[in-house]
């Protein structure tokens, strides 16, 4: 991946959603808090280990929060923070761009334009 100067901001934003699952996790949490097990069921193909790692990284970056409830059995929910919600809006715009240009990009890749 191209390296961007820290002052640019693009590198920081791309790092926040880098990896295969972070954008998907952010999207799955956008409407309401979700428990770990439900989140794993809603993201086919992600392992428990990777989901845990990604959630910890996103929590460290301030994109999500982990709420622990003092109940029996214990309940833990994950929710987006205001920073995560604003990033999710940006990710949504990127997804719309991708859908709008998917045929052009596939055509170029098939034609060897890459």
Protein backbone atom coordinates (compact mmCIF):
# COMPACT_ATOMS: atom_id res chain seq x y z
CA UNK A 1 0.00 0.00 0.00
CA UNK A 2 1.19 3.52 -0.77
CA UNK A 3 2.52 5.43 2.21
CA UNK A 4 0.93 8.83 2.87
CA UNK A 5 2.30 11.59 5.08
CA UNK A 6 0.64 11.64 8.49
CA UNK A 7 -0.50 15.22 7.90
CA UNK A 8 -2.46 14.06 4.85
CA UNK A 9 -4.97 12.17 6.98
CA UNK A 10 -5.65 9.60 4.27
CA UNK A 11 -3.13 7.15 5.71
CA UNK A 12 -4.72 7.46 9.13
CA UNK A 13 -8.21 6.86 7.74
CA UNK A 14 -7.10 3.90 5.62
CA UNK A 15 -5.29 2.35 8.58
CA UNK A 16 -8.45 2.63 10.68
CA UNK A 17 -10.38 0.45 8.21
CA UNK A 18 -7.49 -1.64 6.92
CA UNK A 19 -7.82 -5.38 6.78
CA UNK A 20 -10.49 -7.68 5.53
CA UNK A 21 -13.08 -7.25 8.29
CA UNK A 22 -13.01 -3.80 9.93
CA UNK A 23 -15.35 -2.10 7.46
CA UNK A 24 -17.77 -5.02 7.70
CA UNK A 25 -17.70 -4.95 11.50
CA UNK A 26 -18.29 -1.21 11.48
CA UNK A 27 -21.26 -1.66 9.16
CA UNK A 28 -22.76 -4.43 11.31
CA UNK A 29 -22.60 -2.19 14.38
CA UNK A 30 -23.98 0.95 12.73
CA UNK A 31 -27.63 0.60 13.77
CA UNK A 32 -27.40 -0.81 17.30
CA UNK A 33 -25.09 -2.47 19.83
CA UNK A 34 -24.41 -6.15 19.10
CA UNK A 35 -23.11 -9.00 21.24
CA UNK A 36 -20.02 -10.93 20.17
CA UNK A 37 -21.85 -14.14 19.22
CA UNK A 38 -24.43 -12.34 17.15
CA UNK A 39 -21.73 -10.31 15.43
CA UNK A 40 -19.86 -13.49 14.54
CA UNK A 41 -23.03 -15.03 13.08
CA UNK A 42 -23.69 -11.89 11.04
CA UNK A 43 -20.21 -12.00 9.46
CA UNK A 44 -19.81 -15.36 7.70
CA UNK A 45 -16.23 -16.54 7.36
CA UNK A 46 -14.68 -14.63 10.26
CA UNK A 47 -13.09 -16.68 13.04
CA UNK A 48 -13.56 -15.91 16.73
CA UNK A 49 -9.84 -15.12 17.02
CA UNK A 50 -9.83 -12.64 14.16
CA UNK A 51 -13.09 -11.03 15.30
CA UNK A 52 -11.64 -10.56 18.79
CA UNK A 53 -8.43 -9.05 17.38
CA UNK A 54 -10.29 -6.68 15.07
CA UNK A 55 -12.68 -5.57 17.83
CA UNK A 56 -9.75 -4.86 20.17
CA UNK A 57 -7.95 -2.86 17.48
CA UNK A 58 -11.08 -0.87 16.66
CA UNK A 59 -11.68 -0.20 20.36
CA UNK A 60 -8.09 1.00 20.74
CA UNK A 61 -8.59 3.32 17.73
CA UNK A 62 -11.76 4.75 19.29
CA UNK A 63 -14.10 3.47 16.57
CA UNK A 64 -16.14 1.20 18.81
CA UNK A 65 -16.79 0.78 22.50
CA UNK A 66 -17.14 -2.39 24.55
CA UNK A 67 -19.91 -2.26 27.13
CA UNK A 68 -19.79 -4.88 29.89
CA UNK A 69 -22.98 -5.39 31.91
CA UNK A 70 -22.89 -6.77 35.45
CA UNK A 71 -25.35 -9.61 34.87
CA UNK A 72 -25.41 -13.36 35.18
CA UNK A 73 -24.46 -14.62 32.68
CA UNK A 74 -22.19 -11.71 31.79
CA UNK A 75 -23.28 -9.65 28.80
CA UNK A 76 -20.88 -7.73 26.57
CA UNK A 77 -22.02 -5.55 23.69
CA UNK A 78 -20.09 -3.64 21.05
CA UNK A 79 -21.30 -0.32 19.65
CA UNK A 80 -19.92 2.40 17.40
CA UNK A 81 -18.60 5.61 18.89
CA UNK A 82 -19.27 8.99 17.29
CA UNK A 83 -15.91 8.68 15.50
CA UNK A 84 -16.87 5.23 14.26
CA UNK A 85 -20.25 6.50 13.05
CA UNK A 86 -18.64 9.28 11.04
CA UNK A 87 -16.13 6.83 9.55
CA UNK A 88 -19.00 4.47 8.71
CA UNK A 89 -20.62 7.25 6.65
CA UNK A 90 -17.36 7.57 4.71
CA UNK A 91 -17.11 3.81 4.21
CA UNK A 92 -20.71 3.83 2.92
CA UNK A 93 -19.77 6.49 0.36
CA UNK A 94 -16.82 4.33 -0.77
CA UNK A 95 -19.14 1.34 -1.12
CA UNK A 96 -21.52 3.37 -3.28
CA UNK A 97 -18.62 4.45 -5.47
CA UNK A 98 -17.54 0.82 -5.83
CA UNK A 99 -21.01 -0.28 -6.90
CA UNK A 100 -21.22 2.57 -9.39
CA UNK A 101 -17.87 1.70 -11.00
CA UNK A 102 -17.67 -2.08 -10.59
CA UNK A 103 -18.30 -2.88 -14.25
CA UNK A 104 -15.64 -0.41 -15.44
CA UNK A 105 -13.09 -1.74 -12.98
CA UNK A 106 -13.81 -5.38 -13.89
CA UNK A 107 -13.61 -4.55 -17.61
CA UNK A 108 -10.22 -2.91 -17.14
CA UNK A 109 -8.93 -5.84 -15.09
CA UNK A 110 -10.16 -8.35 -17.69
CA UNK A 111 -8.60 -6.32 -20.52
CA UNK A 112 -5.26 -6.31 -18.72
CA UNK A 113 -5.44 -2.61 -17.96
CA UNK A 114 -3.96 -3.17 -14.52
